[in-house]
Amino acid sequence: MALLLIGYILFQKTSDVDYYLPGACADKWIVIRYEQGECGTFSRENQAVRVTVSDSCVVCTREKLRIGWNRKRFFVRQPDGSYQQLPNAVADSTGYRMFIHDHDMRHVSHENLLSTLRSGIDTTLFDGARIRKKDRFHVDYTPGRKTVEYFYYSLEAQPLGFTPPGDPKVNTLESTKDRALPLTPP
């Protein structure tokens, strides 16, 4: 019974999410950055969070990333401006195929900060990550909350083992180099 209660607490139901994708994001990685103070919030429709992706394939929001189970639906903008829902999977003679791949949530990488912070720094970043830099070779790091969500949208349904091209971690995971941080010890 205790294990069931722990499972319920860890995997609580969160709001359902509807993703609205432009045709310009076909065969590309889509990135959603959370806890971005300069950005707006998502709208709600029929008790679901509406995530509208721009042609840049990047979305930002000031909301926190909620981790838990929910229903996710994906809609693609048609040439006439309407949206058509993507099926979760399609079956053909070779098996199942999907349009959405490698949907994941991650921590922001703060590695680029380690060389810029001076010794003696003890700072907490926007995502709750804590960096304590004792000297050039000794750094204590506590990861923060997950604040980046990403997935690959393929125009044509791909087999289940499909590996999308590129790596979203290389170009799309935000660093905090542009955030106002205390770069000198207090």
N, C-alpha and C. Protein backbone atom coordinates (compact mmCIF):
# COMPACT_ATOMS: atom_id res chain seq x y z
N MET A 1 0.82 -1.19 0.00
CA MET A 1 0.00 0.00 0.00
C MET A 1 0.87 1.26 0.00
N ALA A 2 1.95 1.24 0.77
CA ALA A 2 2.85 2.40 0.82
C ALA A 2 3.48 2.65 -0.54
N LEU A 3 3.84 1.57 -1.24
CA LEU A 3 4.44 1.71 -2.57
C LEU A 3 3.44 2.33 -3.55
N LEU A 4 2.19 1.95 -3.44
CA LEU A 4 1.15 2.53 -4.28
C LEU A 4 0.99 4.03 -3.99
N LEU A 5 1.02 4.41 -2.72
CA LEU A 5 0.91 5.81 -2.35
C LEU A 5 2.10 6.61 -2.87
N ILE A 6 3.30 6.06 -2.78
CA ILE A 6 4.50 6.72 -3.31
C ILE A 6 4.38 6.90 -4.82
N GLY A 7 3.92 5.86 -5.52
CA GLY A 7 3.72 5.94 -6.96
C GLY A 7 2.71 7.00 -7.33
N TYR A 8 1.65 7.11 -6.55
CA TYR A 8 0.63 8.13 -6.83
C TYR A 8 1.20 9.53 -6.66
N ILE A 9 1.98 9.73 -5.60
CA ILE A 9 2.56 11.05 -5.33
C ILE A 9 3.56 11.42 -6.41
N LEU A 10 4.41 10.48 -6.82
CA LEU A 10 5.44 10.76 -7.81
C LEU A 10 4.88 10.95 -9.22
N PHE A 11 3.79 10.28 -9.52
CA PHE A 11 3.27 10.32 -10.88
C PHE A 11 1.85 10.86 -10.91
N GLN A 12 1.67 12.04 -10.35
CA GLN A 12 0.35 12.65 -10.31
C GLN A 12 -0.08 13.11 -11.70
N LYS A 13 -1.37 13.13 -11.89
CA LYS A 13 -1.94 13.63 -13.14
C LYS A 13 -1.74 15.13 -13.21
N THR A 14 -1.24 15.60 -14.34
CA THR A 14 -1.11 17.03 -14.59
C THR A 14 -2.09 17.40 -15.70
N SER A 15 -2.18 18.67 -15.99
CA SER A 15 -3.09 19.12 -17.05
C SER A 15 -2.74 18.47 -18.38
N ASP A 16 -3.76 18.11 -19.14
CA ASP A 16 -3.53 17.60 -20.49
C ASP A 16 -2.92 18.72 -21.33
N VAL A 17 -2.18 18.35 -22.38
CA VAL A 17 -1.49 19.34 -23.21
C VAL A 17 -1.82 19.11 -24.68
N ASP A 18 -2.19 20.20 -25.35
CA ASP A 18 -2.40 20.18 -26.80
C ASP A 18 -1.32 21.04 -27.43
N TYR A 19 -0.52 20.45 -28.30
CA TYR A 19 0.55 21.16 -29.00
C TYR A 19 0.06 21.51 -30.40
N TYR A 20 0.19 22.78 -30.77
CA TYR A 20 -0.22 23.26 -32.09
C TYR A 20 1.05 23.61 -32.87
N LEU A 21 1.33 22.82 -33.90
CA LEU A 21 2.59 22.92 -34.64
C LEU A 21 2.41 23.55 -36.00
N PRO A 22 3.31 24.46 -36.39
CA PRO A 22 3.25 25.01 -37.75
C PRO A 22 3.92 24.04 -38.72
N GLY A 23 3.56 24.12 -39.99
CA GLY A 23 4.21 23.28 -41.00
C GLY A 23 5.70 23.56 -41.09
N ALA A 24 6.14 24.77 -40.72
CA ALA A 24 7.56 25.13 -40.78
C ALA A 24 8.42 24.30 -39.85
N CYS A 25 7.81 23.63 -38.88
CA CYS A 25 8.58 22.83 -37.93
C CYS A 25 8.64 21.35 -38.30
N ALA A 26 8.16 21.01 -39.49
CA ALA A 26 8.23 19.61 -39.94
C ALA A 26 9.70 19.20 -40.09
N ASP A 27 10.01 18.02 -39.62
CA ASP A 27 11.35 17.46 -39.68
C ASP A 27 12.36 18.32 -38.92
N LYS A 28 11.92 18.82 -37.78
CA LYS A 28 12.77 19.64 -36.91
C LYS A 28 12.50 19.33 -35.45
N TRP A 29 13.46 19.74 -34.60
CA TRP A 29 13.28 19.67 -33.16
C TRP A 29 12.44 20.86 -32.71
N ILE A 30 11.53 20.61 -31.80
CA ILE A 30 10.72 21.66 -31.19
C ILE A 30 11.13 21.74 -29.73
N VAL A 31 11.37 22.97 -29.27
CA VAL A 31 11.88 23.18 -27.91
C VAL A 31 10.94 24.11 -27.15
N ILE A 32 10.64 23.73 -25.91
CA ILE A 32 9.83 24.56 -25.03
C ILE A 32 10.66 24.86 -23.80
N ARG A 33 10.89 26.15 -23.54
CA ARG A 33 11.70 26.58 -22.40
C ARG A 33 10.78 27.13 -21.33
N TYR A 34 10.89 26.57 -20.14
CA TYR A 34 10.05 26.96 -19.01
C TYR A 34 10.80 27.90 -18.07
N GLU A 35 10.04 28.59 -17.23
CA GLU A 35 10.56 29.51 -16.21
C GLU A 35 11.37 30.65 -16.82
N GLN A 36 10.90 31.15 -17.94
CA GLN A 36 11.52 32.29 -18.61
C GLN A 36 10.70 33.52 -18.26
N GLY A 37 11.20 34.32 -17.33
CA GLY A 37 10.46 35.44 -16.77
C GLY A 37 9.93 36.44 -17.77
N GLU A 38 10.60 36.61 -18.91
CA GLU A 38 10.17 37.60 -19.90
C GLU A 38 9.07 37.08 -20.82
N CYS A 39 8.68 35.84 -20.68
CA CYS A 39 7.69 35.23 -21.57
C CYS A 39 6.32 35.17 -20.91
N GLY A 40 5.30 34.89 -21.71
CA GLY A 40 3.93 34.81 -21.22
C GLY A 40 3.60 33.43 -20.67
N THR A 41 2.31 33.20 -20.49
CA THR A 41 1.82 31.91 -20.01
C THR A 41 1.02 31.24 -21.12
N PHE A 42 0.80 29.95 -20.97
CA PHE A 42 0.02 29.21 -21.95
C PHE A 42 -1.47 29.45 -21.70
N SER A 43 -2.24 29.44 -22.76
CA SER A 43 -3.69 29.54 -22.60
C SER A 43 -4.24 28.15 -22.27
N ARG A 44 -5.47 28.13 -21.81
CA ARG A 44 -6.16 26.88 -21.48
C ARG A 44 -7.41 26.79 -22.36
N GLU A 45 -7.64 25.61 -22.91
CA GLU A 45 -8.85 25.35 -23.70
C GLU A 45 -9.37 23.98 -23.31
N ASN A 46 -10.63 23.92 -22.93
CA ASN A 46 -11.26 22.65 -22.56
C ASN A 46 -10.43 21.91 -21.52
N GLN A 47 -9.94 22.61 -20.52
CA GLN A 47 -9.16 22.08 -19.41
C GLN A 47 -7.81 21.50 -19.85
N ALA A 48 -7.33 21.89 -21.02
CA ALA A 48 -6.02 21.45 -21.50
C ALA A 48 -5.14 22.68 -21.72
N VAL A 49 -3.86 22.51 -21.48
CA VAL A 49 -2.90 23.57 -21.75
C VAL A 49 -2.68 23.62 -23.26
N ARG A 50 -2.73 24.81 -23.84
CA ARG A 50 -2.51 24.97 -25.29
C ARG A 50 -1.12 25.54 -25.51
N VAL A 51 -0.25 24.75 -26.14
CA VAL A 51 1.11 25.18 -26.47
C VAL A 51 1.14 25.44 -27.97
N THR A 52 1.19 26.72 -28.34
CA THR A 52 1.22 27.09 -29.75
C THR A 52 2.67 27.38 -30.13
N VAL A 53 3.20 26.60 -31.05
CA VAL A 53 4.60 26.70 -31.46
C VAL A 53 4.70 27.66 -32.65
N SER A 54 5.68 28.56 -32.58
CA SER A 54 5.89 29.51 -33.68
C SER A 54 6.74 28.86 -34.78
N ASP A 55 6.89 29.55 -35.89
CA ASP A 55 7.70 29.04 -37.00
C ASP A 55 9.17 28.85 -36.62
N SER A 56 9.61 29.46 -35.53
CA SER A 56 11.00 29.29 -35.07
C SER A 56 11.19 27.93 -34.40
N CYS A 57 10.10 27.24 -34.10
CA CYS A 57 10.10 25.92 -33.44
C CYS A 57 10.56 26.00 -31.98
N VAL A 58 10.56 27.20 -31.42
CA VAL A 58 10.94 27.40 -30.02
C VAL A 58 9.83 28.17 -29.34
N VAL A 59 9.46 27.73 -28.14
CA VAL A 59 8.44 28.37 -27.35
C VAL A 59 9.03 28.67 -25.97
N CYS A 60 8.67 29.79 -25.40
CA CYS A 60 9.09 30.04 -24.02
C CYS A 60 7.87 30.43 -23.20
N THR A 61 7.94 30.15 -21.91
CA THR A 61 6.86 30.48 -20.99
C THR A 61 7.43 30.76 -19.61
N ARG A 62 6.72 31.54 -18.83
CA ARG A 62 7.15 31.77 -17.46
C ARG A 62 6.65 30.67 -16.53
N GLU A 63 5.81 29.79 -17.04
CA GLU A 63 5.26 28.70 -16.22
C GLU A 63 6.34 27.67 -15.88
N LYS A 64 6.09 26.92 -14.80
CA LYS A 64 6.99 25.84 -14.43
C LYS A 64 6.60 24.59 -15.20
N LEU A 65 7.58 23.77 -15.51
CA LEU A 65 7.33 22.48 -16.16
C LEU A 65 6.72 21.54 -15.13
N ARG A 66 5.56 21.04 -15.42
CA ARG A 66 4.88 20.12 -14.51
C ARG A 66 5.14 18.70 -14.98
N ILE A 67 5.69 17.91 -14.08
CA ILE A 67 6.03 16.54 -14.43
C ILE A 67 5.00 15.61 -13.82
N GLY A 68 4.46 14.74 -14.63
CA GLY A 68 3.44 13.81 -14.20
C GLY A 68 2.83 13.19 -15.45
N TRP A 69 1.77 12.46 -15.28
CA TRP A 69 1.15 11.84 -16.45
C TRP A 69 -0.01 12.71 -16.93
N ASN A 70 -0.20 12.71 -18.24
CA ASN A 70 -1.28 13.46 -18.86
C ASN A 70 -1.48 12.97 -20.29
N ARG A 71 -2.51 13.52 -20.90
CA ARG A 71 -2.76 13.22 -22.31
C ARG A 71 -2.09 14.31 -23.13
N LYS A 72 -1.37 13.90 -24.15
CA LYS A 72 -0.74 14.85 -25.07
C LYS A 72 -1.33 14.62 -26.46
N ARG A 73 -1.76 15.73 -27.09
CA ARG A 73 -2.23 15.66 -28.47
C ARG A 73 -1.44 16.66 -29.28
N PHE A 74 -1.24 16.32 -30.56
CA PHE A 74 -0.45 17.17 -31.45
C PHE A 74 -1.31 17.51 -32.66
N PHE A 75 -1.34 18.80 -33.00
CA PHE A 75 -2.11 19.30 -34.13
C PHE A 75 -1.17 20.03 -35.07
N VAL A 76 -1.38 19.88 -36.37
CA VAL A 76 -0.53 20.54 -37.36
C VAL A 76 -1.37 21.53 -38.16
N ARG A 77 -0.81 22.74 -38.32
CA ARG A 77 -1.51 23.79 -39.08
C ARG A 77 -1.52 23.42 -40.56
N GLN A 78 -2.68 23.51 -41.15
CA GLN A 78 -2.88 23.21 -42.56
C GLN A 78 -2.72 24.50 -43.37
N PRO A 79 -2.52 24.40 -44.68
CA PRO A 79 -2.37 25.60 -45.52
C PRO A 79 -3.52 26.60 -45.38
N ASP A 80 -4.74 26.12 -45.08
CA ASP A 80 -5.87 27.04 -44.95
C ASP A 80 -5.97 27.67 -43.55
N GLY A 81 -5.00 27.35 -42.66
CA GLY A 81 -4.99 27.92 -41.32
C GLY A 81 -5.65 27.07 -40.27
N SER A 82 -6.38 26.04 -40.67
CA SER A 82 -7.00 25.14 -39.70
C SER A 82 -5.95 24.17 -39.15
N TYR A 83 -6.31 23.42 -38.12
CA TYR A 83 -5.39 22.45 -37.53
C TYR A 83 -5.97 21.05 -37.65
N GLN A 84 -5.10 20.09 -37.96
CA GLN A 84 -5.50 18.69 -38.04
C GLN A 84 -4.71 17.90 -37.00
N GLN A 85 -5.42 17.06 -36.24
CA GLN A 85 -4.75 16.28 -35.20
C GLN A 85 -3.92 15.16 -35.82
N LEU A 86 -2.68 15.01 -35.32
CA LEU A 86 -1.84 13.89 -35.74
C LEU A 86 -2.27 12.65 -34.99
N PRO A 87 -2.33 11.51 -35.63
CA PRO A 87 -2.62 10.28 -34.89
C PRO A 87 -1.41 9.91 -34.02
N ASN A 88 -1.66 9.23 -32.90
CA ASN A 88 -0.56 8.80 -32.05
C ASN A 88 0.39 7.88 -32.81
N ALA A 89 -0.18 7.02 -33.61
CA ALA A 89 0.62 6.08 -34.42
C ALA A 89 -0.24 5.63 -35.58
N VAL A 90 0.42 5.20 -36.65
CA VAL A 90 -0.28 4.61 -37.78
C VAL A 90 0.33 3.24 -38.02
N ALA A 91 -0.50 2.32 -38.45
CA ALA A 91 -0.03 0.97 -38.70
C ALA A 91 0.00 0.72 -40.20
N ASP A 92 1.04 0.03 -40.64
CA ASP A 92 1.10 -0.41 -42.03
C ASP A 92 1.70 -1.81 -42.03
N SER A 93 2.04 -2.32 -43.20
CA SER A 93 2.54 -3.70 -43.30
C SER A 93 3.88 -3.91 -42.58
N THR A 94 4.61 -2.84 -42.31
CA THR A 94 5.90 -2.98 -41.64
C THR A 94 5.82 -2.78 -40.13
N GLY A 95 4.64 -2.39 -39.63
CA GLY A 95 4.48 -2.16 -38.19
C GLY A 95 3.95 -0.76 -37.92
N TYR A 96 4.19 -0.31 -36.72
CA TYR A 96 3.70 1.01 -36.33
C TYR A 96 4.69 2.10 -36.69
N ARG A 97 4.13 3.27 -37.03
CA ARG A 97 4.94 4.44 -37.36
C ARG A 97 4.39 5.62 -36.56
N MET A 98 5.29 6.58 -36.25
CA MET A 98 4.89 7.74 -35.45
C MET A 98 5.39 9.04 -36.08
N PHE A 99 4.76 10.15 -35.68
CA PHE A 99 5.15 11.48 -36.15
C PHE A 99 5.99 12.23 -35.10
N ILE A 100 5.81 11.91 -33.82
CA ILE A 100 6.51 12.60 -32.72
C ILE A 100 7.54 11.63 -32.14
N HIS A 101 8.78 12.12 -32.00
CA HIS A 101 9.87 11.25 -31.56
C HIS A 101 10.68 11.90 -30.45
N ASP A 102 11.24 11.07 -29.58
CA ASP A 102 12.17 11.48 -28.52
C ASP A 102 11.65 12.61 -27.66
N HIS A 103 10.39 12.55 -27.29
CA HIS A 103 9.80 13.57 -26.41
C HIS A 103 10.44 13.42 -25.03
N ASP A 104 11.07 14.49 -24.54
CA ASP A 104 11.80 14.39 -23.29
C ASP A 104 11.80 15.73 -22.55
N MET A 105 12.14 15.67 -21.29
CA MET A 105 12.27 16.87 -20.45
C MET A 105 13.64 16.80 -19.79
N ARG A 106 14.34 17.95 -19.76
CA ARG A 106 15.72 17.94 -19.26
C ARG A 106 16.02 19.14 -18.38
N HIS A 107 17.16 19.00 -17.70
CA HIS A 107 17.75 20.11 -16.96
C HIS A 107 18.51 20.98 -17.95
N VAL A 108 18.62 22.24 -17.64
CA VAL A 108 19.46 23.14 -18.42
C VAL A 108 20.92 22.81 -18.11
N SER A 109 21.78 22.90 -19.08
CA SER A 109 23.21 22.69 -18.86
C SER A 109 23.84 24.00 -18.39
N HIS A 110 24.53 23.94 -17.28
CA HIS A 110 25.21 25.13 -16.74
C HIS A 110 26.73 25.02 -16.90
N GLU A 111 27.18 24.10 -17.72
CA GLU A 111 28.62 23.87 -17.85
C GLU A 111 29.39 25.11 -18.28
N ASN A 112 28.80 25.93 -19.15
CA ASN A 112 29.53 27.10 -19.64
C ASN A 112 29.79 28.12 -18.53
N LEU A 113 29.02 28.04 -17.45
CA LEU A 113 29.23 28.99 -16.35
C LEU A 113 30.47 28.66 -15.51
N LEU A 114 30.84 27.41 -15.50
CA LEU A 114 31.91 27.00 -14.59
C LEU A 114 33.21 27.73 -14.84
N SER A 115 33.51 28.04 -16.09
CA SER A 115 34.76 28.73 -16.38
C SER A 115 34.64 30.25 -16.15
N THR A 116 33.40 30.78 -16.14
CA THR A 116 33.24 32.22 -15.97
C THR A 116 33.08 32.64 -14.52
N LEU A 117 32.61 31.74 -13.66
CA LEU A 117 32.43 32.09 -12.26
C LEU A 117 33.77 32.13 -11.54
N ARG A 118 33.93 33.10 -10.69
CA ARG A 118 35.17 33.22 -9.92
C ARG A 118 35.13 32.31 -8.70
N SER A 119 36.29 31.97 -8.20
CA SER A 119 36.39 31.15 -6.99
C SER A 119 35.69 31.87 -5.84
N GLY A 120 35.06 31.08 -4.98
CA GLY A 120 34.36 31.64 -3.83
C GLY A 120 32.88 31.87 -4.07
N ILE A 121 32.42 31.68 -5.30
CA ILE A 121 31.00 31.87 -5.63
C ILE A 121 30.16 30.75 -5.02
N ASP A 122 29.03 31.13 -4.49
CA ASP A 122 28.02 30.18 -4.02
C ASP A 122 26.70 30.79 -4.48
N THR A 123 26.14 30.29 -5.57
CA THR A 123 24.95 30.91 -6.15
C THR A 123 23.90 29.87 -6.51
N THR A 124 22.65 30.29 -6.44
CA THR A 124 21.52 29.46 -6.85
C THR A 124 20.94 30.09 -8.11
N LEU A 125 20.76 29.29 -9.14
CA LEU A 125 20.30 29.77 -10.43
C LEU A 125 18.77 29.72 -10.53
N PHE A 126 18.23 30.24 -11.63
CA PHE A 126 16.78 30.36 -11.79
C PHE A 126 16.03 29.04 -11.65
N ASP A 127 16.68 27.94 -11.98
CA ASP A 127 16.01 26.64 -11.93
C ASP A 127 16.26 25.91 -10.62
N GLY A 128 16.89 26.58 -9.67
CA GLY A 128 17.18 25.95 -8.38
C GLY A 128 18.52 25.26 -8.32
N ALA A 129 19.23 25.20 -9.45
CA ALA A 129 20.57 24.59 -9.43
C ALA A 129 21.48 25.44 -8.54
N ARG A 130 22.37 24.78 -7.82
CA ARG A 130 23.30 25.51 -6.95
C ARG A 130 24.73 25.17 -7.36
N ILE A 131 25.52 26.23 -7.52
CA ILE A 131 26.93 26.08 -7.86
C ILE A 131 27.75 26.72 -6.75
N ARG A 132 28.68 25.93 -6.21
CA ARG A 132 29.63 26.44 -5.23
C ARG A 132 31.02 26.18 -5.80
N LYS A 133 31.68 27.24 -6.19
CA LYS A 133 33.00 27.11 -6.80
C LYS A 133 34.05 27.47 -5.76
N LYS A 134 34.74 26.45 -5.26
CA LYS A 134 35.75 26.67 -4.22
C LYS A 134 37.02 27.26 -4.83
N ASP A 135 37.45 26.65 -5.91
CA ASP A 135 38.60 27.17 -6.65
C ASP A 135 38.49 26.64 -8.07
N ARG A 136 39.51 26.84 -8.86
CA ARG A 136 39.46 26.49 -10.28
C ARG A 136 39.16 25.01 -10.54
N PHE A 137 39.56 24.15 -9.60
CA PHE A 137 39.43 22.71 -9.82
C PHE A 137 38.37 22.04 -8.95
N HIS A 138 37.74 22.77 -8.06
CA HIS A 138 36.78 22.16 -7.13
C HIS A 138 35.45 22.92 -7.18
N VAL A 139 34.44 22.23 -7.71
CA VAL A 139 33.10 22.81 -7.84
C VAL A 139 32.09 21.81 -7.31
N ASP A 140 31.20 22.30 -6.44
CA ASP A 140 30.06 21.49 -5.99
C ASP A 140 28.86 21.94 -6.81
N TYR A 141 28.14 20.97 -7.34
CA TYR A 141 27.01 21.30 -8.20
C TYR A 141 25.81 20.46 -7.79
N THR A 142 24.68 21.12 -7.56
CA THR A 142 23.42 20.44 -7.28
C THR A 142 22.46 20.80 -8.41
N PRO A 143 21.98 19.81 -9.17
CA PRO A 143 21.10 20.14 -10.31
C PRO A 143 19.79 20.76 -9.84
N GLY A 144 19.19 21.51 -10.73
CA GLY A 144 17.91 22.16 -10.45
C GLY A 144 16.75 21.40 -11.07
N ARG A 145 15.66 22.12 -11.24
CA ARG A 145 14.45 21.53 -11.84
C ARG A 145 14.63 21.38 -13.36
N LYS A 146 13.87 20.47 -13.93
CA LYS A 146 13.85 20.34 -15.38
C LYS A 146 13.08 21.54 -15.94
N THR A 147 13.67 22.23 -16.91
CA THR A 147 13.04 23.43 -17.46
C THR A 147 13.03 23.46 -18.98
N VAL A 148 13.38 22.34 -19.61
CA VAL A 148 13.38 22.28 -21.07
C VAL A 148 12.65 21.01 -21.50
N GLU A 149 11.73 21.19 -22.43
CA GLU A 149 11.00 20.06 -23.03
C GLU A 149 11.29 20.11 -24.52
N TYR A 150 11.49 18.96 -25.14
CA TYR A 150 11.70 18.96 -26.58
C TYR A 150 11.22 17.66 -27.20
N PHE A 151 10.96 17.73 -28.50
CA PHE A 151 10.58 16.54 -29.27
C PHE A 151 10.84 16.83 -30.74
N TYR A 152 10.88 15.77 -31.52
CA TYR A 152 11.12 15.89 -32.97
C TYR A 152 9.81 15.57 -33.68
N TYR A 153 9.41 16.45 -34.60
CA TYR A 153 8.19 16.26 -35.39
C TYR A 153 8.58 15.91 -36.81
N SER A 154 8.22 14.71 -37.27
CA SER A 154 8.52 14.31 -38.64
C SER A 154 7.26 14.45 -39.50
N LEU A 155 7.45 14.99 -40.69
CA LEU A 155 6.34 15.21 -41.61
C LEU A 155 5.70 13.89 -42.02
N GLU A 156 6.55 12.90 -42.28
CA GLU A 156 6.07 11.55 -42.62
C GLU A 156 6.22 10.66 -41.40
N ALA A 157 5.25 9.79 -41.17
CA ALA A 157 5.34 8.86 -40.05
C ALA A 157 6.57 7.97 -40.21
N GLN A 158 7.32 7.81 -39.13
CA GLN A 158 8.56 7.04 -39.15
C GLN A 158 8.41 5.80 -38.27
N PRO A 159 9.21 4.74 -38.54
CA PRO A 159 9.13 3.52 -37.73
C PRO A 159 9.49 3.81 -36.27
N LEU A 160 9.06 2.92 -35.38
CA LEU A 160 9.27 3.12 -33.95
C LEU A 160 10.74 3.30 -33.58
N GLY A 161 11.67 2.67 -34.24
CA GLY A 161 13.09 2.80 -33.90
C GLY A 161 13.78 4.00 -34.53
N PHE A 162 13.03 4.89 -35.14
CA PHE A 162 13.58 6.04 -35.85
C PHE A 162 14.44 6.90 -34.93
N THR A 163 15.64 7.28 -35.42
CA THR A 163 16.52 8.20 -34.71
C THR A 163 16.53 9.52 -35.46
N PRO A 164 15.99 10.58 -34.85
CA PRO A 164 15.96 11.88 -35.53
C PRO A 164 17.37 12.41 -35.78
N PRO A 165 17.54 13.17 -36.85
CA PRO A 165 18.86 13.75 -37.13
C PRO A 165 19.19 14.86 -36.14
N GLY A 166 20.47 15.06 -35.93
CA GLY A 166 20.89 16.12 -35.02
C GLY A 166 20.69 15.74 -33.58
N ASP A 167 21.08 16.62 -32.71
CA ASP A 167 20.98 16.38 -31.28
C ASP A 167 20.47 17.66 -30.65
N PRO A 168 19.29 17.65 -30.05
CA PRO A 168 18.74 18.89 -29.51
C PRO A 168 19.59 19.47 -28.39
N LYS A 169 20.35 18.64 -27.72
CA LYS A 169 21.16 19.12 -26.61
C LYS A 169 22.28 20.02 -27.10
N VAL A 170 22.71 19.86 -28.34
CA VAL A 170 23.82 20.66 -28.85
C VAL A 170 23.41 22.10 -29.10
N ASN A 171 22.28 22.31 -29.76
CA ASN A 171 21.90 23.65 -30.17
C ASN A 171 20.72 24.26 -29.43
N THR A 172 19.95 23.46 -28.72
CA THR A 172 18.70 24.01 -28.22
C THR A 172 18.57 24.09 -26.72
N LEU A 173 19.39 23.39 -25.96
CA LEU A 173 19.25 23.48 -24.51
C LEU A 173 19.86 24.79 -24.04
N GLU A 174 19.05 25.59 -23.44
CA GLU A 174 19.46 26.93 -23.06
C GLU A 174 20.54 26.92 -21.98
N SER A 175 21.49 27.79 -22.11
CA SER A 175 22.46 28.00 -21.04
C SER A 175 22.03 29.23 -20.28
N THR A 176 22.67 29.51 -19.19
CA THR A 176 22.31 30.67 -18.39
C THR A 176 23.33 31.79 -18.54
N LYS A 177 24.14 31.75 -19.58
CA LYS A 177 25.18 32.76 -19.73
C LYS A 177 24.60 34.16 -19.89
N ASP A 178 23.33 34.27 -20.34
CA ASP A 178 22.76 35.59 -20.53
C ASP A 178 21.93 36.04 -19.32
N ARG A 179 21.93 35.30 -18.26
CA ARG A 179 21.17 35.67 -17.08
C ARG A 179 22.05 36.50 -16.14
N ALA A 180 21.42 37.37 -15.39
CA ALA A 180 22.15 38.21 -14.45
C ALA A 180 22.56 37.37 -13.24
N LEU A 181 23.82 37.11 -13.12
CA LEU A 181 24.33 36.30 -12.01
C LEU A 181 25.40 37.08 -11.26
N PRO A 182 25.54 36.83 -9.98
CA PRO A 182 26.64 37.43 -9.25
C PRO A 182 27.93 36.71 -9.64
N LEU A 183 28.76 37.33 -10.43
CA LEU A 183 29.97 36.65 -10.92
C LEU A 183 31.17 36.88 -10.00
N THR A 184 30.99 37.60 -8.94
CA THR A 184 32.08 37.78 -7.98
C THR A 184 31.59 37.34 -6.62
N PRO A 185 32.48 36.88 -5.75
CA PRO A 185 32.05 36.41 -4.43
C PRO A 185 31.44 37.56 -3.61
N PRO A 186 30.50 37.22 -2.74
CA PRO A 186 29.87 38.25 -1.91
C PRO A 186 30.87 38.87 -0.94
